[in-house]
């Protein structure tokens, strides 16, 4: 498990459950099949671990595999508006969404600015400034709050982020050029309306 990295239970994805089912099958075979020796069991477990490790490494190396194997977050509420397409895609009914919000201490949809369904099935919520107790006129900020948009992931442009922002790859490359940065040197990049482009390099 140390080779696979540390994970909280809440961070386990559906794909991780497949690993568990496979291990369960191996152990079940070992318990009920008398001809299976300890050596065979150890070999099967080692093979199981190697397979998982290989998949995890491939997912880390090739971003194209992240979506089909790990999934991606779904925005259920955007700027206070329900995203009916994503709700339908994830088979989430309104009462189910309300239940998820209540577990976050939110009892009205009008108090939600953004809501994101994470890959582990949990929900992350950004409340409106008013409902969170932050009065824009007191804090001298311009509502509403907005989450950051990931633009660069391990040296690769995130097309979904560009589409969300309504920008092009040419625009992003020009922004990087202004900062005297190269795409391949960037580990992570995000955009916020308040701060603009935020960059973290590999160094």
N, C-alpha and C. Protein backbone atom coordinates (compact mmCIF):
# COMPACT_ATOMS: atom_id res chain seq x y z
N UNK A 1 0.82 -1.20 0.00
CA UNK A 1 0.00 0.00 0.00
C UNK A 1 0.86 1.27 0.00
N UNK A 2 2.07 1.18 0.57
CA UNK A 2 2.95 2.35 0.57
C UNK A 2 3.35 2.72 -0.85
N UNK A 3 3.49 1.70 -1.71
CA UNK A 3 3.88 1.96 -3.09
C UNK A 3 2.78 2.69 -3.84
N UNK A 4 1.54 2.49 -3.43
CA UNK A 4 0.41 3.07 -4.14
C UNK A 4 0.09 4.48 -3.66
N UNK A 5 0.73 4.91 -2.59
CA UNK A 5 0.46 6.23 -2.04
C UNK A 5 -0.61 6.18 -0.97
N UNK A 6 -0.62 7.21 -0.13
CA UNK A 6 -1.59 7.26 0.97
C UNK A 6 -2.92 7.83 0.47
N UNK A 7 -4.00 7.20 0.92
CA UNK A 7 -5.33 7.67 0.56
C UNK A 7 -6.25 7.62 1.76
N UNK A 8 -7.09 8.63 1.88
CA UNK A 8 -8.15 8.57 2.87
C UNK A 8 -9.25 7.70 2.28
N UNK A 9 -10.10 7.14 3.15
CA UNK A 9 -11.20 6.32 2.66
C UNK A 9 -12.11 7.11 1.74
N UNK A 10 -12.28 8.40 2.05
CA UNK A 10 -13.17 9.23 1.23
C UNK A 10 -12.60 9.47 -0.16
N UNK A 11 -11.30 9.22 -0.36
CA UNK A 11 -10.67 9.47 -1.64
C UNK A 11 -10.66 8.25 -2.54
N UNK A 12 -11.14 7.12 -2.03
CA UNK A 12 -11.14 5.90 -2.82
C UNK A 12 -12.16 6.00 -3.95
N UNK A 13 -11.74 5.70 -5.17
CA UNK A 13 -12.60 5.79 -6.33
C UNK A 13 -13.24 4.44 -6.63
N UNK A 14 -14.27 4.42 -7.50
CA UNK A 14 -14.88 3.14 -7.88
C UNK A 14 -13.87 2.15 -8.44
N UNK A 15 -12.85 2.67 -9.13
CA UNK A 15 -11.84 1.78 -9.70
C UNK A 15 -11.06 1.08 -8.60
N UNK A 16 -10.90 1.75 -7.45
CA UNK A 16 -10.19 1.13 -6.33
C UNK A 16 -10.98 -0.05 -5.76
N UNK A 17 -12.30 0.02 -5.86
CA UNK A 17 -13.12 -1.07 -5.37
C UNK A 17 -12.93 -2.33 -6.21
N UNK A 18 -12.62 -2.13 -7.49
CA UNK A 18 -12.35 -3.28 -8.36
C UNK A 18 -11.11 -4.02 -7.86
N UNK A 19 -10.11 -3.25 -7.41
CA UNK A 19 -8.92 -3.87 -6.84
C UNK A 19 -9.31 -4.76 -5.65
N UNK A 20 -10.18 -4.22 -4.80
CA UNK A 20 -10.60 -4.94 -3.60
C UNK A 20 -11.35 -6.21 -3.94
N UNK A 21 -12.22 -6.12 -4.95
CA UNK A 21 -12.98 -7.30 -5.39
C UNK A 21 -12.04 -8.38 -5.91
N UNK A 22 -11.04 -7.96 -6.67
CA UNK A 22 -10.06 -8.92 -7.20
C UNK A 22 -9.31 -9.62 -6.07
N UNK A 23 -8.91 -8.84 -5.07
CA UNK A 23 -8.21 -9.42 -3.93
C UNK A 23 -9.13 -10.38 -3.17
N UNK A 24 -10.40 -10.00 -3.04
CA UNK A 24 -11.36 -10.87 -2.37
C UNK A 24 -11.51 -12.19 -3.09
N UNK A 25 -11.51 -12.13 -4.44
CA UNK A 25 -11.60 -13.36 -5.22
C UNK A 25 -10.40 -14.26 -5.02
N UNK A 26 -9.23 -13.65 -4.93
CA UNK A 26 -8.00 -14.43 -4.71
C UNK A 26 -8.04 -15.12 -3.35
N UNK A 27 -8.42 -14.39 -2.32
CA UNK A 27 -8.47 -14.95 -0.97
C UNK A 27 -9.55 -16.02 -0.84
N UNK A 28 -10.67 -15.80 -1.52
CA UNK A 28 -11.75 -16.79 -1.48
C UNK A 28 -11.31 -18.11 -2.10
N UNK A 29 -10.61 -17.99 -3.22
CA UNK A 29 -10.08 -19.18 -3.90
C UNK A 29 -9.10 -19.92 -2.99
N UNK A 30 -8.31 -19.16 -2.26
CA UNK A 30 -7.32 -19.76 -1.37
C UNK A 30 -7.97 -20.50 -0.20
N UNK A 31 -9.09 -19.97 0.28
CA UNK A 31 -9.76 -20.56 1.44
C UNK A 31 -10.51 -21.84 1.10
N UNK A 32 -11.10 -21.88 -0.09
CA UNK A 32 -11.98 -23.00 -0.43
C UNK A 32 -11.37 -24.02 -1.39
N UNK A 33 -10.20 -23.73 -1.91
CA UNK A 33 -9.55 -24.67 -2.82
C UNK A 33 -8.36 -25.30 -2.11
N UNK A 34 -8.49 -26.59 -1.80
CA UNK A 34 -7.45 -27.29 -1.03
C UNK A 34 -6.14 -27.43 -1.79
N UNK A 35 -6.21 -27.45 -3.11
CA UNK A 35 -5.01 -27.66 -3.91
C UNK A 35 -4.14 -26.41 -4.02
N UNK A 36 -4.68 -25.29 -3.59
CA UNK A 36 -3.93 -24.03 -3.68
C UNK A 36 -2.97 -23.92 -2.49
N UNK A 37 -1.69 -23.80 -2.78
CA UNK A 37 -0.67 -23.71 -1.72
C UNK A 37 -0.42 -22.25 -1.32
N UNK A 38 0.30 -22.09 -0.22
CA UNK A 38 0.66 -20.74 0.24
C UNK A 38 1.48 -20.01 -0.81
N UNK A 39 2.34 -20.76 -1.50
CA UNK A 39 3.19 -20.17 -2.54
C UNK A 39 2.33 -19.59 -3.66
N UNK A 40 1.29 -20.34 -4.04
CA UNK A 40 0.39 -19.87 -5.09
C UNK A 40 -0.34 -18.60 -4.64
N UNK A 41 -0.75 -18.57 -3.38
CA UNK A 41 -1.45 -17.41 -2.85
C UNK A 41 -0.55 -16.17 -2.86
N UNK A 42 0.68 -16.36 -2.40
CA UNK A 42 1.62 -15.24 -2.36
C UNK A 42 1.93 -14.73 -3.76
N UNK A 43 2.05 -15.66 -4.70
CA UNK A 43 2.31 -15.27 -6.09
C UNK A 43 1.13 -14.47 -6.65
N UNK A 44 -0.09 -14.93 -6.36
CA UNK A 44 -1.29 -14.24 -6.86
C UNK A 44 -1.40 -12.84 -6.27
N UNK A 45 -1.11 -12.72 -4.97
CA UNK A 45 -1.17 -11.41 -4.32
C UNK A 45 -0.10 -10.48 -4.87
N UNK A 46 1.09 -11.02 -5.11
CA UNK A 46 2.17 -10.22 -5.69
C UNK A 46 1.80 -9.74 -7.09
N UNK A 47 1.18 -10.63 -7.87
CA UNK A 47 0.74 -10.27 -9.22
C UNK A 47 -0.34 -9.20 -9.16
N UNK A 48 -1.26 -9.36 -8.19
CA UNK A 48 -2.33 -8.37 -7.98
C UNK A 48 -1.75 -7.00 -7.65
N UNK A 49 -0.77 -6.98 -6.74
CA UNK A 49 -0.14 -5.73 -6.36
C UNK A 49 0.62 -5.08 -7.51
N UNK A 50 1.30 -5.92 -8.31
CA UNK A 50 2.05 -5.40 -9.45
C UNK A 50 1.12 -4.79 -10.50
N UNK A 51 -0.03 -5.43 -10.70
CA UNK A 51 -1.01 -4.93 -11.66
C UNK A 51 -1.54 -3.57 -11.24
N UNK A 52 -1.89 -3.44 -9.95
CA UNK A 52 -2.40 -2.18 -9.44
C UNK A 52 -1.34 -1.09 -9.56
N UNK A 53 -0.12 -1.44 -9.18
CA UNK A 53 0.98 -0.47 -9.24
C UNK A 53 1.21 0.01 -10.67
N UNK A 54 1.15 -0.92 -11.62
CA UNK A 54 1.35 -0.58 -13.03
C UNK A 54 0.26 0.37 -13.52
N UNK A 55 -0.99 0.08 -13.14
CA UNK A 55 -2.11 0.93 -13.55
C UNK A 55 -1.96 2.33 -12.96
N UNK A 56 -1.60 2.41 -11.67
CA UNK A 56 -1.43 3.71 -11.02
C UNK A 56 -0.33 4.53 -11.68
N UNK A 57 0.76 3.88 -12.04
CA UNK A 57 1.87 4.58 -12.70
C UNK A 57 1.45 5.07 -14.08
N UNK A 58 0.72 4.23 -14.82
CA UNK A 58 0.25 4.62 -16.15
C UNK A 58 -0.68 5.82 -16.08
N UNK A 59 -1.56 5.82 -15.08
CA UNK A 59 -2.50 6.92 -14.91
C UNK A 59 -1.76 8.22 -14.59
N UNK A 60 -0.70 8.12 -13.78
CA UNK A 60 0.10 9.30 -13.44
C UNK A 60 0.89 9.81 -14.63
N UNK A 61 1.36 8.89 -15.47
CA UNK A 61 2.21 9.28 -16.60
C UNK A 61 1.39 9.81 -17.78
N UNK A 62 0.21 9.23 -18.00
CA UNK A 62 -0.58 9.58 -19.18
C UNK A 62 -1.93 10.14 -18.74
N UNK A 63 -2.08 11.46 -18.91
CA UNK A 63 -3.31 12.13 -18.49
C UNK A 63 -4.54 11.62 -19.22
N UNK A 64 -4.34 11.08 -20.43
CA UNK A 64 -5.47 10.60 -21.22
C UNK A 64 -6.17 9.43 -20.54
N UNK A 65 -5.47 8.74 -19.64
CA UNK A 65 -6.05 7.58 -18.94
C UNK A 65 -6.79 7.97 -17.67
N UNK A 66 -6.58 9.19 -17.19
CA UNK A 66 -7.18 9.60 -15.92
C UNK A 66 -8.70 9.59 -15.96
N UNK A 67 -9.27 10.13 -17.05
CA UNK A 67 -10.72 10.23 -17.12
C UNK A 67 -11.41 8.87 -17.17
N UNK A 68 -10.99 7.94 -18.09
CA UNK A 68 -11.68 6.64 -18.13
C UNK A 68 -11.43 5.76 -16.92
N UNK A 69 -10.26 5.87 -16.29
CA UNK A 69 -9.93 4.99 -15.17
C UNK A 69 -10.27 5.58 -13.81
N UNK A 70 -10.12 6.89 -13.67
CA UNK A 70 -10.36 7.53 -12.37
C UNK A 70 -11.61 8.40 -12.36
N UNK A 71 -12.11 8.74 -13.55
CA UNK A 71 -13.27 9.63 -13.59
C UNK A 71 -12.84 11.08 -13.45
N UNK A 72 -13.81 11.98 -13.48
CA UNK A 72 -13.53 13.40 -13.30
C UNK A 72 -14.69 14.05 -12.56
N UNK A 73 -14.41 15.13 -11.83
CA UNK A 73 -15.47 15.81 -11.08
C UNK A 73 -16.55 16.36 -12.01
N UNK A 74 -17.78 16.44 -11.50
CA UNK A 74 -18.90 16.98 -12.27
C UNK A 74 -19.48 18.18 -11.55
N UNK A 75 -19.63 19.28 -12.26
CA UNK A 75 -20.19 20.50 -11.67
C UNK A 75 -21.72 20.42 -11.70
N UNK A 76 -22.32 20.29 -10.54
CA UNK A 76 -23.78 20.15 -10.45
C UNK A 76 -24.48 21.50 -10.35
N UNK A 77 -23.80 22.46 -9.75
CA UNK A 77 -24.33 23.82 -9.64
C UNK A 77 -23.23 24.79 -10.07
N UNK A 78 -23.56 25.66 -11.02
CA UNK A 78 -22.59 26.63 -11.53
C UNK A 78 -23.17 28.03 -11.41
N UNK A 79 -22.51 28.87 -10.64
CA UNK A 79 -22.96 30.26 -10.43
C UNK A 79 -24.42 30.31 -10.00
N UNK A 80 -24.79 29.38 -9.11
CA UNK A 80 -26.14 29.37 -8.57
C UNK A 80 -27.18 28.69 -9.43
N UNK A 81 -26.77 28.19 -10.60
CA UNK A 81 -27.71 27.55 -11.53
C UNK A 81 -27.46 26.04 -11.58
N UNK A 82 -28.55 25.28 -11.55
CA UNK A 82 -28.43 23.82 -11.64
C UNK A 82 -27.92 23.41 -13.01
N UNK A 83 -26.98 22.48 -13.03
CA UNK A 83 -26.48 21.92 -14.28
C UNK A 83 -27.25 20.62 -14.54
N UNK A 84 -28.39 20.74 -15.20
CA UNK A 84 -29.28 19.60 -15.40
C UNK A 84 -28.62 18.48 -16.20
N UNK A 85 -27.74 18.84 -17.11
CA UNK A 85 -27.05 17.83 -17.92
C UNK A 85 -26.20 16.92 -17.05
N UNK A 86 -25.44 17.52 -16.13
CA UNK A 86 -24.58 16.73 -15.25
C UNK A 86 -25.38 15.96 -14.21
N UNK A 87 -26.47 16.54 -13.75
CA UNK A 87 -27.34 15.83 -12.80
C UNK A 87 -27.89 14.57 -13.43
N UNK A 88 -28.34 14.70 -14.68
CA UNK A 88 -28.89 13.55 -15.40
C UNK A 88 -27.81 12.53 -15.72
N UNK A 89 -26.64 13.01 -16.12
CA UNK A 89 -25.52 12.13 -16.47
C UNK A 89 -25.09 11.28 -15.28
N UNK A 90 -25.16 11.85 -14.08
CA UNK A 90 -24.74 11.14 -12.87
C UNK A 90 -25.90 10.50 -12.12
N UNK A 91 -27.09 10.54 -12.74
CA UNK A 91 -28.30 9.91 -12.17
C UNK A 91 -28.59 10.42 -10.75
N UNK A 92 -28.50 11.73 -10.59
CA UNK A 92 -28.76 12.34 -9.29
C UNK A 92 -30.10 13.07 -9.33
N UNK A 93 -31.02 12.67 -8.47
CA UNK A 93 -32.32 13.33 -8.36
C UNK A 93 -32.20 14.49 -7.38
N UNK A 94 -33.16 15.41 -7.44
CA UNK A 94 -33.09 16.60 -6.61
C UNK A 94 -33.09 16.28 -5.11
N UNK A 95 -33.89 15.31 -4.69
CA UNK A 95 -33.92 14.97 -3.27
C UNK A 95 -32.58 14.41 -2.81
N UNK A 96 -31.92 13.67 -3.71
CA UNK A 96 -30.59 13.16 -3.39
C UNK A 96 -29.60 14.30 -3.26
N UNK A 97 -29.70 15.28 -4.16
CA UNK A 97 -28.81 16.44 -4.08
C UNK A 97 -29.07 17.22 -2.80
N UNK A 98 -30.34 17.39 -2.45
CA UNK A 98 -30.70 18.10 -1.21
C UNK A 98 -30.12 17.38 0.01
N UNK A 99 -30.18 16.05 -0.02
CA UNK A 99 -29.64 15.26 1.09
C UNK A 99 -28.14 15.46 1.22
N UNK A 100 -27.45 15.49 0.10
CA UNK A 100 -26.00 15.69 0.11
C UNK A 100 -25.64 17.08 0.64
N UNK A 101 -26.46 18.07 0.28
CA UNK A 101 -26.23 19.43 0.76
C UNK A 101 -26.49 19.54 2.26
N UNK A 102 -27.54 18.85 2.73
CA UNK A 102 -27.85 18.90 4.17
C UNK A 102 -26.71 18.35 5.00
N UNK A 103 -26.02 17.33 4.47
CA UNK A 103 -24.88 16.76 5.19
C UNK A 103 -23.73 17.76 5.29
N UNK A 104 -23.78 18.77 4.44
CA UNK A 104 -22.78 19.85 4.48
C UNK A 104 -23.28 21.03 5.31
N UNK A 105 -24.48 20.86 5.91
CA UNK A 105 -25.04 21.94 6.72
C UNK A 105 -25.74 23.00 5.90
N UNK A 106 -26.11 22.66 4.67
CA UNK A 106 -26.79 23.61 3.78
C UNK A 106 -28.21 23.11 3.53
N UNK A 107 -29.20 23.94 3.85
CA UNK A 107 -30.58 23.49 3.79
C UNK A 107 -31.41 24.19 2.72
N UNK A 108 -30.77 24.96 1.88
CA UNK A 108 -31.48 25.61 0.78
C UNK A 108 -30.56 25.73 -0.43
N UNK A 109 -31.09 25.42 -1.59
CA UNK A 109 -30.30 25.48 -2.82
C UNK A 109 -29.88 26.91 -3.15
N UNK A 110 -30.66 27.87 -2.67
CA UNK A 110 -30.33 29.28 -2.97
C UNK A 110 -29.03 29.73 -2.29
N UNK A 111 -28.57 28.93 -1.32
CA UNK A 111 -27.33 29.27 -0.62
C UNK A 111 -26.09 28.70 -1.31
N UNK A 112 -26.30 28.01 -2.43
CA UNK A 112 -25.19 27.34 -3.12
C UNK A 112 -24.75 28.13 -4.35
N UNK A 113 -23.50 28.50 -4.38
CA UNK A 113 -22.94 29.18 -5.56
C UNK A 113 -22.38 28.15 -6.53
N UNK A 114 -21.61 27.20 -6.01
CA UNK A 114 -21.06 26.11 -6.81
C UNK A 114 -21.14 24.81 -6.02
N UNK A 115 -21.42 23.72 -6.72
CA UNK A 115 -21.41 22.39 -6.11
C UNK A 115 -20.77 21.42 -7.09
N UNK A 116 -19.79 20.67 -6.61
CA UNK A 116 -19.05 19.74 -7.47
C UNK A 116 -19.15 18.32 -6.92
N UNK A 117 -19.57 17.39 -7.76
CA UNK A 117 -19.59 15.97 -7.39
C UNK A 117 -18.20 15.41 -7.66
N UNK A 118 -17.51 14.99 -6.60
CA UNK A 118 -16.15 14.49 -6.73
C UNK A 118 -16.16 13.05 -7.24
N UNK A 119 -14.99 12.57 -7.65
CA UNK A 119 -14.89 11.22 -8.22
C UNK A 119 -15.17 10.13 -7.20
N UNK A 120 -15.07 10.46 -5.91
CA UNK A 120 -15.35 9.46 -4.87
C UNK A 120 -16.82 9.45 -4.45
N UNK A 121 -17.65 10.29 -5.10
CA UNK A 121 -19.07 10.33 -4.78
C UNK A 121 -19.45 11.37 -3.76
N UNK A 122 -18.47 12.05 -3.16
CA UNK A 122 -18.77 13.11 -2.21
C UNK A 122 -19.05 14.41 -2.96
N UNK A 123 -19.53 15.40 -2.24
CA UNK A 123 -19.84 16.68 -2.87
C UNK A 123 -19.08 17.81 -2.19
N UNK A 124 -18.54 18.71 -2.99
CA UNK A 124 -17.84 19.89 -2.48
C UNK A 124 -18.69 21.10 -2.83
N UNK A 125 -18.85 22.01 -1.86
CA UNK A 125 -19.77 23.13 -2.04
C UNK A 125 -19.10 24.45 -1.72
N UNK A 126 -19.34 25.44 -2.57
CA UNK A 126 -18.95 26.82 -2.31
C UNK A 126 -20.24 27.61 -2.12
N UNK A 127 -20.45 28.12 -0.91
CA UNK A 127 -21.67 28.85 -0.61
C UNK A 127 -21.61 30.28 -1.15
N UNK A 128 -22.78 30.88 -1.28
CA UNK A 128 -22.83 32.28 -1.66
C UNK A 128 -22.24 33.12 -0.54
N UNK A 129 -21.78 34.31 -0.87
CA UNK A 129 -21.16 35.17 0.14
C UNK A 129 -22.14 35.49 1.26
N UNK A 130 -23.40 35.70 0.90
CA UNK A 130 -24.40 36.05 1.89
C UNK A 130 -24.66 34.91 2.87
N UNK A 131 -24.82 33.69 2.34
CA UNK A 131 -25.16 32.55 3.20
C UNK A 131 -24.00 32.11 4.08
N UNK A 132 -22.78 32.38 3.64
CA UNK A 132 -21.61 31.98 4.42
C UNK A 132 -21.26 32.99 5.51
N UNK A 133 -22.07 34.06 5.57
CA UNK A 133 -21.85 35.06 6.62
C UNK A 133 -20.90 36.16 6.22
N UNK A 134 -20.41 36.10 4.97
CA UNK A 134 -19.50 37.14 4.50
C UNK A 134 -20.30 38.20 3.76
N UNK A 135 -20.37 39.40 4.28
CA UNK A 135 -21.08 40.48 3.64
C UNK A 135 -20.15 41.22 2.68
N UNK A 136 -20.44 41.16 1.39
CA UNK A 136 -19.54 41.77 0.40
C UNK A 136 -19.23 43.23 0.69
N UNK A 137 -20.25 44.00 1.16
CA UNK A 137 -20.02 45.42 1.39
C UNK A 137 -19.07 45.66 2.56
N UNK A 138 -19.06 44.68 3.53
CA UNK A 138 -18.17 44.81 4.68
C UNK A 138 -16.74 44.41 4.31
N UNK A 139 -16.63 43.30 3.56
CA UNK A 139 -15.31 42.79 3.19
C UNK A 139 -14.70 43.52 2.00
N UNK A 140 -15.51 44.39 1.38
CA UNK A 140 -15.05 45.15 0.22
C UNK A 140 -14.62 44.24 -0.92
N UNK A 141 -15.44 43.20 -1.20
CA UNK A 141 -15.16 42.30 -2.31
C UNK A 141 -16.32 42.33 -3.27
N UNK A 142 -16.07 41.85 -4.47
CA UNK A 142 -17.11 41.82 -5.49
C UNK A 142 -17.69 40.43 -5.58
N UNK A 143 -18.96 40.23 -5.21
CA UNK A 143 -19.58 38.91 -5.31
C UNK A 143 -19.93 38.62 -6.75
N UNK A 144 -20.23 37.36 -7.15
CA UNK A 144 -20.20 36.21 -6.26
C UNK A 144 -18.82 35.54 -6.25
N UNK A 145 -18.51 34.70 -5.24
CA UNK A 145 -17.24 33.96 -5.24
C UNK A 145 -17.23 32.92 -6.35
N UNK A 146 -16.07 32.60 -6.85
CA UNK A 146 -15.96 31.60 -7.91
C UNK A 146 -14.79 30.66 -7.62
N UNK A 147 -14.94 29.38 -7.93
CA UNK A 147 -13.83 28.44 -7.73
C UNK A 147 -12.77 28.62 -8.80
N UNK A 148 -11.58 28.15 -8.53
CA UNK A 148 -10.51 28.22 -9.52
C UNK A 148 -10.77 27.22 -10.64
N UNK A 149 -10.20 27.49 -11.79
CA UNK A 149 -10.34 26.61 -12.96
C UNK A 149 -8.96 26.08 -13.32
N UNK A 150 -8.79 24.76 -13.32
CA UNK A 150 -7.49 24.18 -13.67
C UNK A 150 -7.24 24.34 -15.16
N UNK A 151 -6.10 24.92 -15.50
CA UNK A 151 -5.75 25.19 -16.88
C UNK A 151 -4.62 24.29 -17.39
N UNK A 152 -3.71 23.92 -16.47
CA UNK A 152 -2.55 23.10 -16.85
C UNK A 152 -2.37 22.00 -15.82
N UNK A 153 -2.20 20.78 -16.30
CA UNK A 153 -2.01 19.63 -15.41
C UNK A 153 -0.80 18.84 -15.88
N UNK A 154 0.28 18.92 -15.11
CA UNK A 154 1.51 18.19 -15.41
C UNK A 154 2.00 18.43 -16.84
N UNK A 155 2.10 19.69 -17.19
CA UNK A 155 2.66 20.07 -18.49
C UNK A 155 1.71 19.96 -19.66
N UNK A 156 0.44 19.66 -19.41
CA UNK A 156 -0.54 19.54 -20.49
C UNK A 156 -1.71 20.49 -20.26
N UNK A 157 -2.18 21.09 -21.35
CA UNK A 157 -3.30 22.03 -21.27
C UNK A 157 -4.60 21.28 -21.01
N UNK A 158 -5.39 21.78 -20.08
CA UNK A 158 -6.69 21.18 -19.76
C UNK A 158 -7.75 21.84 -20.64
N UNK A 159 -8.17 21.14 -21.69
CA UNK A 159 -9.11 21.71 -22.65
C UNK A 159 -10.43 22.12 -22.00
N UNK A 160 -10.87 21.31 -21.04
CA UNK A 160 -12.14 21.61 -20.35
C UNK A 160 -12.06 22.95 -19.63
N UNK A 161 -10.89 23.23 -19.06
CA UNK A 161 -10.71 24.50 -18.36
C UNK A 161 -10.76 25.68 -19.31
N UNK A 162 -10.11 25.53 -20.46
CA UNK A 162 -10.13 26.59 -21.47
C UNK A 162 -11.56 26.85 -21.95
N UNK A 163 -12.29 25.77 -22.18
CA UNK A 163 -13.67 25.89 -22.64
C UNK A 163 -14.53 26.59 -21.60
N UNK A 164 -14.34 26.22 -20.35
CA UNK A 164 -15.09 26.83 -19.25
C UNK A 164 -14.81 28.34 -19.18
N UNK A 165 -13.55 28.70 -19.40
CA UNK A 165 -13.15 30.10 -19.32
C UNK A 165 -13.48 30.87 -20.60
N UNK A 166 -13.74 30.13 -21.68
CA UNK A 166 -14.03 30.77 -22.95
C UNK A 166 -12.79 31.31 -23.63
N UNK A 167 -11.67 30.63 -23.41
CA UNK A 167 -10.40 31.05 -23.99
C UNK A 167 -9.84 29.98 -24.91
N UNK A 168 -8.76 30.33 -25.63
CA UNK A 168 -8.13 29.41 -26.56
C UNK A 168 -6.73 29.03 -26.08
N UNK A 169 -6.17 28.00 -26.71
CA UNK A 169 -4.81 27.58 -26.37
C UNK A 169 -3.81 28.69 -26.70
N UNK A 170 -4.10 29.42 -27.79
CA UNK A 170 -3.22 30.51 -28.18
C UNK A 170 -3.17 31.58 -27.09
N UNK A 171 -4.33 31.86 -26.50
CA UNK A 171 -4.38 32.85 -25.42
C UNK A 171 -3.55 32.39 -24.23
N UNK A 172 -3.67 31.12 -23.88
CA UNK A 172 -2.93 30.59 -22.73
C UNK A 172 -1.43 30.63 -22.98
N UNK A 173 -1.01 30.25 -24.19
CA UNK A 173 0.41 30.27 -24.52
C UNK A 173 0.96 31.70 -24.48
N UNK A 174 0.13 32.65 -24.88
CA UNK A 174 0.55 34.06 -24.83
C UNK A 174 0.71 34.52 -23.38
N UNK A 175 -0.20 34.07 -22.51
CA UNK A 175 -0.11 34.41 -21.08
C UNK A 175 1.17 33.83 -20.47
N UNK A 176 1.50 32.61 -20.87
CA UNK A 176 2.73 31.98 -20.38
C UNK A 176 3.96 32.72 -20.89
N UNK A 177 3.88 33.16 -22.14
CA UNK A 177 4.99 33.89 -22.74
C UNK A 177 5.25 35.20 -21.98
N UNK A 178 4.16 35.84 -21.53
CA UNK A 178 4.30 37.08 -20.77
C UNK A 178 5.04 36.84 -19.46
N UNK A 179 4.86 35.63 -18.92
CA UNK A 179 5.52 35.27 -17.67
C UNK A 179 6.88 34.62 -17.90
N UNK A 180 7.27 34.54 -19.20
CA UNK A 180 8.54 33.91 -19.58
C UNK A 180 8.60 32.46 -19.11
N UNK A 181 7.50 31.74 -19.32
CA UNK A 181 7.40 30.34 -18.89
C UNK A 181 7.08 29.45 -20.08
N UNK A 182 7.49 28.17 -19.96
CA UNK A 182 7.22 27.19 -21.00
C UNK A 182 6.28 26.11 -20.45
N UNK A 183 5.37 25.66 -21.29
CA UNK A 183 4.34 24.72 -20.87
C UNK A 183 4.91 23.46 -20.23
N UNK A 184 5.98 22.92 -20.81
CA UNK A 184 6.55 21.66 -20.31
C UNK A 184 7.19 21.80 -18.94
N UNK A 185 7.44 23.05 -18.51
CA UNK A 185 8.06 23.28 -17.20
C UNK A 185 7.03 23.46 -16.08
N UNK A 186 5.75 23.47 -16.45
CA UNK A 186 4.69 23.78 -15.48
C UNK A 186 4.02 22.51 -14.97
N UNK A 187 4.01 22.34 -13.66
CA UNK A 187 3.35 21.19 -13.04
C UNK A 187 1.86 21.43 -12.89
N UNK A 188 1.49 22.65 -12.49
CA UNK A 188 0.07 22.96 -12.26
C UNK A 188 -0.20 24.42 -12.55
N UNK A 189 -1.35 24.68 -13.17
CA UNK A 189 -1.76 26.06 -13.42
C UNK A 189 -3.26 26.21 -13.28
N UNK A 190 -3.70 27.28 -12.63
CA UNK A 190 -5.13 27.52 -12.46
C UNK A 190 -5.45 28.99 -12.70
N UNK A 191 -6.73 29.25 -12.95
CA UNK A 191 -7.18 30.62 -13.21
C UNK A 191 -8.29 30.99 -12.23
N UNK A 192 -8.19 32.17 -11.66
CA UNK A 192 -9.28 32.73 -10.86
C UNK A 192 -9.53 34.15 -11.34
N UNK A 193 -10.78 34.59 -11.25
CA UNK A 193 -11.12 35.94 -11.68
C UNK A 193 -10.41 36.98 -10.81
N UNK A 194 -10.19 36.62 -9.55
CA UNK A 194 -9.58 37.57 -8.62
C UNK A 194 -8.08 37.74 -8.86
N UNK A 195 -7.38 36.63 -9.15
CA UNK A 195 -5.91 36.68 -9.21
C UNK A 195 -5.32 36.38 -10.58
N UNK A 196 -6.16 35.94 -11.52
CA UNK A 196 -5.65 35.60 -12.83
C UNK A 196 -4.98 34.23 -12.85
N UNK A 197 -3.90 34.10 -13.60
CA UNK A 197 -3.23 32.81 -13.78
C UNK A 197 -2.21 32.56 -12.66
N UNK A 198 -2.38 31.41 -11.98
CA UNK A 198 -1.48 31.01 -10.91
C UNK A 198 -0.71 29.77 -11.37
N UNK A 199 0.62 29.83 -11.28
CA UNK A 199 1.48 28.78 -11.84
C UNK A 199 2.38 28.17 -10.77
N UNK A 200 2.52 26.83 -10.84
CA UNK A 200 3.51 26.12 -10.02
C UNK A 200 4.35 25.26 -10.96
N UNK A 201 5.66 25.50 -10.96
CA UNK A 201 6.55 24.74 -11.83
C UNK A 201 7.00 23.46 -11.14
N UNK A 202 7.72 22.63 -11.88
CA UNK A 202 8.24 21.38 -11.32
C UNK A 202 9.32 21.63 -10.28
N UNK A 203 9.97 22.76 -10.36
CA UNK A 203 11.08 23.07 -9.43
C UNK A 203 10.55 23.47 -8.06
